[in-house]
Amino acid sequence: GSGSVVLGGQPEPAFVEMARRLADSGTEMPLVGAVGEVMTPPDSLTVPSEKVAEAASKLRAARFQLAEKLLRRAEELDPENPRWKRAMERLERAKTGGGVTIEAFSAAEPGTKRITVGGNVQAFKLVKSVEPVYPPLARQARIQGAVRFTVLIDKAGSIAKMRLISGHPLLVQAAQEALQQYEYKPTILGGEPVEVVTQVDVHFTLSPPAEFR
């Protein structure tokens, strides 16, 4: 299934510092605009209901201000590109709360059991995994590491929903797209398939630079 993504983290301090530097004096296109887009919440943003107030406060103020500054600079550097106008429109919708869907992992359907399993245990049931496509911008900046999700696996073994726990903003979308294609053996309990909540890490690793090989 096509999993929906739940916001769980904020950009790391080093990324925010880079974004501030680009907003003030960046001239590298499309880096300025791409970082501005990353800082702008997507229309499909989903936040867990129990954390709505916390997430809303974090997403406003400083992040919106920085995203707007980056996108305005991108418009100055590349005024003919419609991407920046679309991103600004998305940012305005996010400022007013438009496009934010409030959703947690809802309770299992009547008659359906759901269990929580450790990530290492559930990994033994993985029958299909997909290597993430390394985002060019992240590769250029030599950003690597793990993107961690809590996922809901349906009775057939497909990813039904995912909630972002941590990971670099430039890696999140690629991790999500790879994870949506994962497939697991169904988990059987008492002779019946059950839903499973577990944790999954999607790893991004770069080869050492040529001078170190």
N, C-alpha and C. Protein backbone atom coordinates (compact mmCIF):
# COMPACT_ATOMS: atom_id res chain seq x y z
N GLY A 1 0.82 -1.19 0.00
CA GLY A 1 0.00 0.00 0.00
C GLY A 1 0.86 1.23 0.00
N SER A 2 0.27 2.38 -0.32
CA SER A 2 1.03 3.63 -0.30
C SER A 2 0.90 4.23 1.08
N GLY A 3 1.95 4.18 1.87
CA GLY A 3 1.89 4.63 3.25
C GLY A 3 1.79 6.13 3.33
N SER A 4 1.10 6.62 4.36
CA SER A 4 1.09 8.05 4.61
C SER A 4 2.18 8.36 5.62
N VAL A 5 2.77 9.54 5.51
CA VAL A 5 3.92 9.90 6.33
C VAL A 5 3.49 10.82 7.45
N VAL A 6 4.00 10.56 8.63
CA VAL A 6 3.67 11.37 9.79
C VAL A 6 4.92 12.10 10.24
N LEU A 7 4.77 13.38 10.45
CA LEU A 7 5.91 14.19 10.88
C LEU A 7 6.29 13.84 12.30
N GLY A 8 7.58 13.62 12.55
CA GLY A 8 7.99 13.32 13.92
C GLY A 8 9.23 14.07 14.32
N GLY A 9 9.93 14.74 13.41
CA GLY A 9 11.18 15.38 13.76
C GLY A 9 11.33 16.73 13.10
N GLN A 10 12.37 17.44 13.49
CA GLN A 10 12.67 18.74 12.94
C GLN A 10 14.04 18.70 12.30
N PRO A 11 14.36 19.64 11.40
CA PRO A 11 15.68 19.65 10.78
C PRO A 11 16.79 19.72 11.82
N GLU A 12 17.89 19.05 11.54
CA GLU A 12 19.02 19.05 12.47
C GLU A 12 19.67 20.43 12.50
N PRO A 13 20.31 20.79 13.64
CA PRO A 13 20.91 22.12 13.77
C PRO A 13 21.89 22.47 12.65
N ALA A 14 22.71 21.51 12.22
CA ALA A 14 23.69 21.80 11.17
C ALA A 14 22.99 22.16 9.87
N PHE A 15 21.87 21.49 9.59
CA PHE A 15 21.11 21.78 8.38
C PHE A 15 20.50 23.17 8.46
N VAL A 16 19.95 23.51 9.63
CA VAL A 16 19.35 24.83 9.81
C VAL A 16 20.41 25.92 9.65
N GLU A 17 21.61 25.66 10.17
CA GLU A 17 22.70 26.63 10.04
C GLU A 17 23.07 26.83 8.57
N MET A 18 23.14 25.73 7.81
CA MET A 18 23.42 25.83 6.38
C MET A 18 22.32 26.62 5.68
N ALA A 19 21.06 26.37 6.07
CA ALA A 19 19.94 27.07 5.45
C ALA A 19 20.03 28.57 5.72
N ARG A 20 20.40 28.94 6.95
CA ARG A 20 20.54 30.37 7.29
C ARG A 20 21.64 31.02 6.44
N ARG A 21 22.75 30.30 6.28
CA ARG A 21 23.86 30.85 5.49
C ARG A 21 23.43 31.05 4.03
N LEU A 22 22.72 30.07 3.49
CA LEU A 22 22.25 30.19 2.11
C LEU A 22 21.25 31.33 1.95
N ALA A 23 20.38 31.50 2.96
CA ALA A 23 19.37 32.55 2.89
C ALA A 23 20.02 33.93 2.90
N ASP A 24 21.13 34.05 3.63
CA ASP A 24 21.81 35.35 3.73
C ASP A 24 22.68 35.66 2.52
N SER A 25 23.40 34.65 2.02
CA SER A 25 24.40 34.97 0.99
C SER A 25 24.56 33.89 -0.08
N GLY A 26 23.65 32.91 -0.11
CA GLY A 26 23.81 31.82 -1.06
C GLY A 26 23.62 32.27 -2.50
N THR A 27 24.47 31.77 -3.38
CA THR A 27 24.34 32.07 -4.82
C THR A 27 24.26 30.78 -5.64
N GLU A 28 24.38 29.62 -4.99
CA GLU A 28 24.40 28.36 -5.72
C GLU A 28 22.96 27.93 -6.05
N MET A 29 22.64 27.90 -7.33
CA MET A 29 21.34 27.40 -7.75
C MET A 29 21.57 26.00 -8.32
N PRO A 30 20.69 25.01 -8.06
CA PRO A 30 19.40 25.19 -7.37
C PRO A 30 19.45 24.94 -5.87
N LEU A 31 20.66 25.00 -5.26
CA LEU A 31 20.78 24.65 -3.85
C LEU A 31 19.90 25.53 -2.97
N VAL A 32 19.91 26.85 -3.21
CA VAL A 32 19.13 27.76 -2.37
C VAL A 32 17.65 27.38 -2.40
N GLY A 33 17.12 27.22 -3.62
CA GLY A 33 15.70 26.91 -3.74
C GLY A 33 15.35 25.54 -3.20
N ALA A 34 16.23 24.56 -3.44
CA ALA A 34 15.95 23.20 -2.98
C ALA A 34 15.88 23.15 -1.45
N VAL A 35 16.79 23.86 -0.79
CA VAL A 35 16.76 23.89 0.67
C VAL A 35 15.51 24.61 1.15
N GLY A 36 15.12 25.68 0.44
CA GLY A 36 13.88 26.37 0.79
C GLY A 36 12.68 25.45 0.69
N GLU A 37 12.65 24.61 -0.36
CA GLU A 37 11.54 23.66 -0.51
C GLU A 37 11.54 22.63 0.61
N VAL A 38 12.74 22.17 1.00
CA VAL A 38 12.83 21.20 2.09
C VAL A 38 12.28 21.79 3.39
N MET A 39 12.55 23.08 3.61
CA MET A 39 12.09 23.74 4.83
C MET A 39 10.59 24.03 4.81
N THR A 40 9.96 23.92 3.63
CA THR A 40 8.53 24.19 3.50
C THR A 40 7.76 22.89 3.69
N PRO A 41 6.84 22.82 4.64
CA PRO A 41 6.08 21.58 4.85
C PRO A 41 5.28 21.22 3.60
N PRO A 42 5.22 19.93 3.23
CA PRO A 42 4.43 19.52 2.08
C PRO A 42 2.94 19.63 2.37
N ASP A 43 2.13 19.72 1.30
CA ASP A 43 0.68 19.77 1.49
C ASP A 43 0.16 18.51 2.15
N SER A 44 0.88 17.39 1.97
CA SER A 44 0.40 16.12 2.51
C SER A 44 0.91 15.86 3.92
N LEU A 45 1.47 16.89 4.56
CA LEU A 45 2.01 16.73 5.91
C LEU A 45 0.97 16.16 6.86
N THR A 46 1.36 15.17 7.62
CA THR A 46 0.47 14.56 8.60
C THR A 46 1.14 14.60 9.96
N VAL A 47 0.42 15.00 10.99
CA VAL A 47 1.00 15.01 12.33
C VAL A 47 0.16 14.14 13.24
N PRO A 48 0.78 13.40 14.17
CA PRO A 48 0.00 12.58 15.09
C PRO A 48 -0.84 13.46 15.99
N SER A 49 -2.10 13.06 16.20
CA SER A 49 -3.05 13.94 16.88
C SER A 49 -2.60 14.33 18.27
N GLU A 50 -1.91 13.43 18.97
CA GLU A 50 -1.52 13.75 20.34
C GLU A 50 -0.40 14.78 20.39
N LYS A 51 0.19 15.09 19.24
CA LYS A 51 1.29 16.05 19.23
C LYS A 51 0.98 17.26 18.37
N VAL A 52 -0.29 17.50 18.09
CA VAL A 52 -0.65 18.58 17.18
C VAL A 52 -0.13 19.93 17.67
N ALA A 53 -0.38 20.23 18.94
CA ALA A 53 0.02 21.54 19.46
C ALA A 53 1.53 21.72 19.40
N GLU A 54 2.25 20.68 19.80
CA GLU A 54 3.72 20.75 19.79
C GLU A 54 4.25 20.89 18.37
N ALA A 55 3.72 20.07 17.45
CA ALA A 55 4.20 20.11 16.06
C ALA A 55 3.87 21.45 15.41
N ALA A 56 2.66 21.96 15.67
CA ALA A 56 2.26 23.22 15.05
C ALA A 56 3.17 24.36 15.48
N SER A 57 3.52 24.39 16.76
CA SER A 57 4.37 25.47 17.25
C SER A 57 5.78 25.38 16.66
N LYS A 58 6.27 24.14 16.50
CA LYS A 58 7.61 23.96 15.94
C LYS A 58 7.66 24.34 14.46
N LEU A 59 6.56 24.06 13.76
CA LEU A 59 6.55 24.30 12.32
C LEU A 59 6.40 25.77 11.96
N ARG A 60 5.93 26.56 12.91
CA ARG A 60 5.72 27.97 12.62
C ARG A 60 6.97 28.78 12.90
N ALA A 61 6.79 30.07 12.99
CA ALA A 61 7.83 31.02 13.41
C ALA A 61 9.13 30.84 12.65
N ALA A 62 10.18 30.36 13.33
CA ALA A 62 11.53 30.36 12.76
C ALA A 62 11.62 29.58 11.46
N ARG A 63 11.00 28.40 11.42
CA ARG A 63 11.12 27.57 10.21
C ARG A 63 10.44 28.24 9.02
N PHE A 64 9.23 28.76 9.24
CA PHE A 64 8.53 29.43 8.15
C PHE A 64 9.29 30.66 7.68
N GLN A 65 9.81 31.41 8.63
CA GLN A 65 10.54 32.63 8.29
C GLN A 65 11.77 32.31 7.44
N LEU A 66 12.49 31.27 7.84
CA LEU A 66 13.69 30.87 7.10
C LEU A 66 13.33 30.33 5.72
N ALA A 67 12.27 29.53 5.64
CA ALA A 67 11.85 29.00 4.35
C ALA A 67 11.47 30.13 3.40
N GLU A 68 10.75 31.13 3.92
CA GLU A 68 10.34 32.25 3.09
C GLU A 68 11.55 33.03 2.59
N LYS A 69 12.53 33.24 3.46
CA LYS A 69 13.74 33.98 3.08
C LYS A 69 14.50 33.24 1.98
N LEU A 70 14.60 31.92 2.13
CA LEU A 70 15.29 31.11 1.12
C LEU A 70 14.57 31.16 -0.22
N LEU A 71 13.26 31.03 -0.19
CA LEU A 71 12.50 31.00 -1.44
C LEU A 71 12.52 32.37 -2.13
N ARG A 72 12.50 33.45 -1.35
CA ARG A 72 12.60 34.78 -1.97
C ARG A 72 13.97 34.97 -2.62
N ARG A 73 15.01 34.44 -1.97
CA ARG A 73 16.34 34.53 -2.58
C ARG A 73 16.41 33.68 -3.85
N ALA A 74 15.76 32.52 -3.82
CA ALA A 74 15.71 31.67 -5.01
C ALA A 74 15.02 32.39 -6.16
N GLU A 75 13.95 33.13 -5.84
CA GLU A 75 13.24 33.90 -6.87
C GLU A 75 14.13 34.99 -7.46
N GLU A 76 14.97 35.60 -6.62
CA GLU A 76 15.90 36.62 -7.12
C GLU A 76 16.93 36.01 -8.05
N LEU A 77 17.44 34.82 -7.67
CA LEU A 77 18.50 34.19 -8.45
C LEU A 77 17.97 33.52 -9.72
N ASP A 78 16.72 33.09 -9.68
CA ASP A 78 16.15 32.31 -10.79
C ASP A 78 14.70 32.73 -10.99
N PRO A 79 14.46 33.99 -11.42
CA PRO A 79 13.10 34.54 -11.42
C PRO A 79 12.13 33.87 -12.39
N GLU A 80 12.64 33.17 -13.40
CA GLU A 80 11.75 32.56 -14.39
C GLU A 80 11.24 31.18 -13.97
N ASN A 81 11.78 30.65 -12.88
CA ASN A 81 11.44 29.28 -12.49
C ASN A 81 10.15 29.27 -11.67
N PRO A 82 9.09 28.59 -12.15
CA PRO A 82 7.81 28.59 -11.42
C PRO A 82 7.84 27.78 -10.12
N ARG A 83 8.90 26.97 -9.92
CA ARG A 83 8.97 26.15 -8.70
C ARG A 83 8.89 27.01 -7.46
N TRP A 84 9.54 28.16 -7.47
CA TRP A 84 9.65 28.96 -6.25
C TRP A 84 8.30 29.60 -5.90
N LYS A 85 7.55 30.00 -6.94
CA LYS A 85 6.22 30.55 -6.68
C LYS A 85 5.30 29.48 -6.09
N ARG A 86 5.38 28.26 -6.64
CA ARG A 86 4.55 27.18 -6.12
C ARG A 86 4.92 26.87 -4.67
N ALA A 87 6.22 26.88 -4.38
CA ALA A 87 6.66 26.61 -3.01
C ALA A 87 6.20 27.71 -2.06
N MET A 88 6.22 28.97 -2.53
CA MET A 88 5.75 30.08 -1.69
C MET A 88 4.25 29.93 -1.41
N GLU A 89 3.49 29.50 -2.41
CA GLU A 89 2.05 29.29 -2.21
C GLU A 89 1.82 28.18 -1.18
N ARG A 90 2.63 27.13 -1.27
CA ARG A 90 2.52 26.03 -0.31
C ARG A 90 2.85 26.51 1.10
N LEU A 91 3.86 27.37 1.18
CA LEU A 91 4.26 27.92 2.48
C LEU A 91 3.13 28.76 3.07
N GLU A 92 2.47 29.56 2.24
CA GLU A 92 1.37 30.38 2.73
C GLU A 92 0.23 29.51 3.25
N ARG A 93 -0.04 28.40 2.53
CA ARG A 93 -1.09 27.48 3.00
C ARG A 93 -0.71 26.87 4.34
N ALA A 94 0.57 26.52 4.48
CA ALA A 94 1.03 25.92 5.73
C ALA A 94 0.93 26.90 6.89
N LYS A 95 1.20 28.19 6.61
CA LYS A 95 1.12 29.21 7.66
C LYS A 95 -0.28 29.31 8.24
N THR A 96 -1.28 29.12 7.38
CA THR A 96 -2.66 29.24 7.82
C THR A 96 -3.27 27.91 8.23
N GLY A 97 -2.43 26.86 8.22
CA GLY A 97 -2.92 25.55 8.64
C GLY A 97 -3.53 24.73 7.53
N GLY A 98 -3.59 25.29 6.31
CA GLY A 98 -4.16 24.54 5.19
C GLY A 98 -3.28 23.37 4.81
N GLY A 99 -3.89 22.26 4.46
CA GLY A 99 -3.14 21.11 3.98
C GLY A 99 -2.60 20.22 5.07
N VAL A 100 -2.77 20.59 6.34
CA VAL A 100 -2.26 19.75 7.41
C VAL A 100 -3.36 18.79 7.85
N THR A 101 -3.11 17.52 7.73
CA THR A 101 -4.07 16.50 8.11
C THR A 101 -3.71 15.96 9.48
N ILE A 102 -4.66 15.93 10.38
CA ILE A 102 -4.40 15.41 11.72
C ILE A 102 -4.72 13.92 11.73
N GLU A 103 -3.69 13.13 11.95
CA GLU A 103 -3.90 11.69 11.87
C GLU A 103 -2.85 10.98 12.72
N ALA A 104 -3.29 10.06 13.54
CA ALA A 104 -2.38 9.17 14.25
C ALA A 104 -2.55 7.78 13.65
N PHE A 105 -1.82 6.80 14.17
CA PHE A 105 -2.11 5.43 13.80
C PHE A 105 -3.45 5.10 14.47
N SER A 106 -4.52 5.14 13.71
CA SER A 106 -5.83 4.90 14.29
C SER A 106 -5.92 3.47 14.81
N ALA A 107 -6.90 3.23 15.66
CA ALA A 107 -7.06 1.89 16.23
C ALA A 107 -7.32 0.87 15.13
N ALA A 108 -6.94 -0.36 15.39
CA ALA A 108 -7.17 -1.43 14.41
C ALA A 108 -8.67 -1.60 14.17
N GLU A 109 -9.00 -2.03 12.96
CA GLU A 109 -10.41 -2.29 12.63
C GLU A 109 -10.96 -3.38 13.55
N PRO A 110 -12.27 -3.34 13.82
CA PRO A 110 -12.87 -4.40 14.65
C PRO A 110 -12.55 -5.78 14.07
N GLY A 111 -12.13 -6.67 14.94
CA GLY A 111 -11.79 -8.02 14.49
C GLY A 111 -10.36 -8.18 14.03
N THR A 112 -9.61 -7.06 13.97
CA THR A 112 -8.20 -7.11 13.55
C THR A 112 -7.31 -6.89 14.77
N LYS A 113 -6.36 -7.79 14.97
CA LYS A 113 -5.41 -7.64 16.07
C LYS A 113 -4.18 -6.88 15.60
N ARG A 114 -3.57 -6.15 16.53
CA ARG A 114 -2.34 -5.40 16.22
C ARG A 114 -1.34 -5.62 17.34
N ILE A 115 -0.11 -5.92 16.97
CA ILE A 115 0.93 -6.13 17.97
C ILE A 115 2.12 -5.23 17.66
N THR A 116 2.95 -4.98 18.66
CA THR A 116 4.19 -4.22 18.49
C THR A 116 5.36 -5.18 18.57
N VAL A 117 6.26 -5.08 17.58
CA VAL A 117 7.40 -5.99 17.48
C VAL A 117 8.67 -5.16 17.32
N GLY A 118 9.75 -5.59 17.95
CA GLY A 118 11.03 -4.90 17.80
C GLY A 118 11.53 -4.94 16.37
N GLY A 119 12.24 -3.89 15.97
CA GLY A 119 12.70 -3.80 14.59
C GLY A 119 13.60 -4.94 14.17
N ASN A 120 14.50 -5.39 15.06
CA ASN A 120 15.41 -6.49 14.72
C ASN A 120 14.66 -7.79 14.51
N VAL A 121 13.60 -8.00 15.29
CA VAL A 121 12.80 -9.23 15.15
C VAL A 121 12.02 -9.19 13.84
N GLN A 122 11.37 -8.05 13.57
CA GLN A 122 10.55 -7.95 12.35
C GLN A 122 11.40 -8.04 11.09
N ALA A 123 12.67 -7.65 11.18
CA ALA A 123 13.56 -7.68 10.01
C ALA A 123 13.68 -9.09 9.43
N PHE A 124 13.52 -10.12 10.27
CA PHE A 124 13.60 -11.50 9.77
C PHE A 124 12.43 -11.85 8.85
N LYS A 125 11.35 -11.08 8.92
CA LYS A 125 10.19 -11.35 8.07
C LYS A 125 10.22 -10.54 6.77
N LEU A 126 11.26 -9.72 6.59
CA LEU A 126 11.36 -8.89 5.40
C LEU A 126 11.64 -9.75 4.17
N VAL A 127 10.76 -9.68 3.17
CA VAL A 127 10.95 -10.47 1.94
C VAL A 127 11.32 -9.60 0.75
N LYS A 128 11.09 -8.30 0.85
CA LYS A 128 11.48 -7.39 -0.24
C LYS A 128 11.86 -6.05 0.35
N SER A 129 13.08 -5.62 0.06
CA SER A 129 13.51 -4.27 0.43
C SER A 129 14.07 -3.59 -0.81
N VAL A 130 14.06 -2.28 -0.80
CA VAL A 130 14.50 -1.50 -1.95
C VAL A 130 15.56 -0.50 -1.49
N GLU A 131 16.68 -0.46 -2.21
CA GLU A 131 17.71 0.53 -1.89
C GLU A 131 17.18 1.92 -2.22
N PRO A 132 17.33 2.88 -1.32
CA PRO A 132 16.85 4.23 -1.63
C PRO A 132 17.69 4.87 -2.73
N VAL A 133 17.05 5.71 -3.52
CA VAL A 133 17.77 6.50 -4.53
C VAL A 133 18.43 7.67 -3.80
N TYR A 134 19.74 7.78 -3.89
CA TYR A 134 20.46 8.81 -3.14
C TYR A 134 20.14 10.19 -3.73
N PRO A 135 19.56 11.10 -2.95
CA PRO A 135 19.25 12.43 -3.50
C PRO A 135 20.54 13.14 -3.94
N PRO A 136 20.58 13.67 -5.16
CA PRO A 136 21.80 14.32 -5.65
C PRO A 136 22.32 15.42 -4.73
N LEU A 137 21.40 16.21 -4.16
CA LEU A 137 21.80 17.30 -3.29
C LEU A 137 22.48 16.76 -2.03
N ALA A 138 21.95 15.67 -1.48
CA ALA A 138 22.55 15.06 -0.29
C ALA A 138 23.90 14.44 -0.63
N ARG A 139 24.00 13.84 -1.81
CA ARG A 139 25.28 13.26 -2.23
C ARG A 139 26.33 14.35 -2.38
N GLN A 140 25.93 15.46 -3.00
CA GLN A 140 26.85 16.57 -3.21
C GLN A 140 27.35 17.13 -1.88
N ALA A 141 26.45 17.20 -0.90
CA ALA A 141 26.82 17.73 0.42
C ALA A 141 27.40 16.65 1.33
N ARG A 142 27.54 15.42 0.80
CA ARG A 142 28.07 14.27 1.54
C ARG A 142 27.31 14.04 2.85
N ILE A 143 25.98 14.08 2.73
CA ILE A 143 25.11 13.81 3.87
C ILE A 143 24.77 12.32 3.86
N GLN A 144 24.96 11.66 4.98
CA GLN A 144 24.63 10.24 5.07
C GLN A 144 24.09 9.93 6.46
N GLY A 145 23.68 8.68 6.65
CA GLY A 145 23.13 8.29 7.94
C GLY A 145 21.82 7.54 7.75
N ALA A 146 21.12 7.32 8.86
CA ALA A 146 19.87 6.57 8.84
C ALA A 146 18.68 7.50 8.99
N VAL A 147 17.59 7.14 8.30
CA VAL A 147 16.30 7.78 8.51
C VAL A 147 15.42 6.74 9.20
N ARG A 148 14.90 7.09 10.36
CA ARG A 148 14.16 6.11 11.18
C ARG A 148 12.67 6.40 11.17
N PHE A 149 11.89 5.34 10.99
CA PHE A 149 10.43 5.44 10.97
C PHE A 149 9.83 4.43 11.94
N THR A 150 8.68 4.78 12.50
CA THR A 150 7.78 3.78 13.06
C THR A 150 6.77 3.47 11.96
N VAL A 151 6.54 2.18 11.69
CA VAL A 151 5.65 1.82 10.59
C VAL A 151 4.53 0.90 11.08
N LEU A 152 3.43 0.97 10.37
CA LEU A 152 2.31 0.05 10.57
C LEU A 152 2.27 -0.87 9.36
N ILE A 153 2.46 -2.17 9.61
CA ILE A 153 2.43 -3.17 8.55
C ILE A 153 1.07 -3.86 8.57
N ASP A 154 0.41 -3.90 7.42
CA ASP A 154 -0.94 -4.49 7.40
C ASP A 154 -0.87 -6.02 7.42
N LYS A 155 -2.04 -6.64 7.43
CA LYS A 155 -2.10 -8.10 7.58
C LYS A 155 -1.47 -8.84 6.41
N ALA A 156 -1.39 -8.17 5.24
CA ALA A 156 -0.79 -8.80 4.06
C ALA A 156 0.73 -8.64 4.03
N GLY A 157 1.27 -7.78 4.93
CA GLY A 157 2.71 -7.59 4.97
C GLY A 157 3.21 -6.33 4.28
N SER A 158 2.29 -5.45 3.86
CA SER A 158 2.67 -4.20 3.20
C SER A 158 2.70 -3.05 4.21
N ILE A 159 3.49 -2.02 3.89
CA ILE A 159 3.54 -0.83 4.74
C ILE A 159 2.26 -0.03 4.54
N ALA A 160 1.48 0.13 5.61
CA ALA A 160 0.23 0.88 5.52
C ALA A 160 0.42 2.34 5.90
N LYS A 161 1.22 2.58 6.94
CA LYS A 161 1.49 3.95 7.38
C LYS A 161 2.91 4.01 7.92
N MET A 162 3.46 5.21 7.92
CA MET A 162 4.79 5.40 8.50
C MET A 162 4.84 6.74 9.21
N ARG A 163 5.59 6.75 10.30
CA ARG A 163 5.76 7.98 11.08
C ARG A 163 7.26 8.26 11.19
N LEU A 164 7.67 9.42 10.73
CA LEU A 164 9.08 9.79 10.78
C LEU A 164 9.50 10.04 12.22
N ILE A 165 10.60 9.41 12.63
CA ILE A 165 11.16 9.63 13.97
C ILE A 165 12.37 10.56 13.89
N SER A 166 13.29 10.25 12.98
CA SER A 166 14.49 11.07 12.87
C SER A 166 15.13 10.85 11.51
N GLY A 167 16.02 11.77 11.14
CA GLY A 167 16.73 11.66 9.88
C GLY A 167 16.93 13.02 9.25
N HIS A 168 17.96 13.13 8.41
CA HIS A 168 18.25 14.40 7.76
C HIS A 168 17.15 14.75 6.77
N PRO A 169 16.69 16.01 6.76
CA PRO A 169 15.58 16.39 5.86
C PRO A 169 15.83 16.08 4.39
N LEU A 170 17.08 16.16 3.94
CA LEU A 170 17.36 15.90 2.53
C LEU A 170 17.26 14.41 2.18
N LEU A 171 17.21 13.54 3.19
CA LEU A 171 17.15 12.10 2.94
C LEU A 171 15.75 11.52 3.13
N VAL A 172 14.86 12.28 3.77
CA VAL A 172 13.58 11.72 4.21
C VAL A 172 12.72 11.24 3.05
N GLN A 173 12.55 12.05 2.01
CA GLN A 173 11.65 11.66 0.92
C GLN A 173 12.13 10.40 0.22
N ALA A 174 13.44 10.32 -0.04
CA ALA A 174 13.98 9.12 -0.70
C ALA A 174 13.79 7.89 0.17
N ALA A 175 13.97 8.07 1.49
CA ALA A 175 13.77 6.95 2.42
C ALA A 175 12.32 6.50 2.40
N GLN A 176 11.41 7.46 2.40
CA GLN A 176 9.98 7.16 2.36
C GLN A 176 9.62 6.38 1.10
N GLU A 177 10.12 6.83 -0.05
CA GLU A 177 9.79 6.18 -1.32
C GLU A 177 10.31 4.75 -1.36
N ALA A 178 11.49 4.52 -0.77
CA ALA A 178 12.02 3.15 -0.72
C ALA A 178 11.20 2.29 0.23
N LEU A 179 10.89 2.84 1.40
CA LEU A 179 10.19 2.08 2.44
C LEU A 179 8.79 1.67 2.00
N GLN A 180 8.14 2.50 1.21
CA GLN A 180 6.80 2.17 0.74
C GLN A 180 6.78 0.88 -0.09
N GLN A 181 7.93 0.47 -0.60
CA GLN A 181 8.01 -0.73 -1.44
C GLN A 181 8.42 -1.98 -0.66
N TYR A 182 8.70 -1.82 0.64
CA TYR A 182 9.06 -2.98 1.45
C TYR A 182 7.87 -3.94 1.57
N GLU A 183 8.17 -5.22 1.64
CA GLU A 183 7.13 -6.23 1.86
C GLU A 183 7.63 -7.23 2.90
N TYR A 184 6.71 -7.66 3.76
CA TYR A 184 7.03 -8.59 4.84
C TYR A 184 6.15 -9.83 4.73
N LYS A 185 6.66 -10.94 5.28
CA LYS A 185 5.79 -12.10 5.46
C LYS A 185 4.70 -11.72 6.45
N PRO A 186 3.45 -12.11 6.19
CA PRO A 186 2.40 -11.81 7.16
C PRO A 186 2.74 -12.41 8.53
N THR A 187 2.39 -11.69 9.58
CA THR A 187 2.61 -12.17 10.94
C THR A 187 1.33 -12.88 11.40
N ILE A 188 1.48 -14.13 11.80
CA ILE A 188 0.33 -14.95 12.18
C ILE A 188 0.33 -15.12 13.70
N LEU A 189 -0.81 -14.86 14.31
CA LEU A 189 -0.96 -15.02 15.76
C LEU A 189 -2.27 -15.75 16.01
N GLY A 190 -2.18 -16.92 16.64
CA GLY A 190 -3.39 -17.70 16.89
C GLY A 190 -4.07 -18.13 15.61
N GLY A 191 -3.27 -18.36 14.57
CA GLY A 191 -3.83 -18.82 13.30
C GLY A 191 -4.39 -17.71 12.42
N GLU A 192 -4.32 -16.45 12.89
CA GLU A 192 -4.87 -15.32 12.12
C GLU A 192 -3.78 -14.29 11.85
N PRO A 193 -3.79 -13.66 10.65
CA PRO A 193 -2.82 -12.59 10.38
C PRO A 193 -3.14 -11.36 11.23
N VAL A 194 -2.10 -10.67 11.68
CA VAL A 194 -2.28 -9.48 12.52
C VAL A 194 -1.50 -8.31 11.93
N GLU A 195 -1.90 -7.10 12.30
CA GLU A 195 -1.13 -5.91 11.96
C GLU A 195 0.06 -5.79 12.91
N VAL A 196 1.13 -5.18 12.42
CA VAL A 196 2.35 -5.06 13.23
C VAL A 196 2.83 -3.60 13.22
N VAL A 197 3.15 -3.10 14.40
CA VAL A 197 3.82 -1.80 14.52
C VAL A 197 5.27 -2.08 14.88
N THR A 198 6.20 -1.52 14.10
CA THR A 198 7.61 -1.76 14.35
C THR A 198 8.43 -0.55 13.92
N GLN A 199 9.73 -0.64 14.10
CA GLN A 199 10.62 0.46 13.75
C GLN A 199 11.55 0.01 12.62
N VAL A 200 11.75 0.89 11.64
CA VAL A 200 12.60 0.56 10.49
C VAL A 200 13.57 1.71 10.24
N ASP A 201 14.83 1.38 10.01
CA ASP A 201 15.84 2.35 9.61
C ASP A 201 16.16 2.17 8.13
N VAL A 202 16.19 3.26 7.39
CA VAL A 202 16.63 3.25 6.00
C VAL A 202 17.99 3.95 5.97
N HIS A 203 19.02 3.24 5.50
CA HIS A 203 20.39 3.73 5.60
C HIS A 203 20.88 4.35 4.29
N PHE A 204 21.63 5.43 4.43
CA PHE A 204 22.29 6.10 3.31
C PHE A 204 23.78 6.16 3.62
N THR A 205 24.59 5.53 2.77
CA THR A 205 26.03 5.48 3.00
C THR A 205 26.76 5.84 1.72
N LEU A 206 27.71 6.75 1.84
CA LEU A 206 28.52 7.18 0.70
C LEU A 206 29.88 6.49 0.73
N SER A 207 30.45 6.25 -0.44
CA SER A 207 31.82 5.76 -0.51
C SER A 207 32.76 6.87 -0.06
N PRO A 208 33.92 6.51 0.50
CA PRO A 208 34.89 7.55 0.88
C PRO A 208 35.32 8.35 -0.35
N PRO A 209 35.66 9.63 -0.17
CA PRO A 209 36.18 10.41 -1.30
C PRO A 209 37.40 9.73 -1.91
N ALA A 210 37.64 9.99 -3.19
CA ALA A 210 38.71 9.30 -3.94
C ALA A 210 40.06 9.43 -3.26
N GLU A 211 40.33 10.60 -2.64
CA GLU A 211 41.66 10.81 -2.06
C GLU A 211 41.90 9.94 -0.83
N PHE A 212 40.80 9.35 -0.27
CA PHE A 212 40.96 8.50 0.92
C PHE A 212 40.90 7.02 0.57
N ARG A 213 40.72 6.72 -0.72
CA ARG A 213 40.62 5.31 -1.11
C ARG A 213 41.99 4.76 -1.50
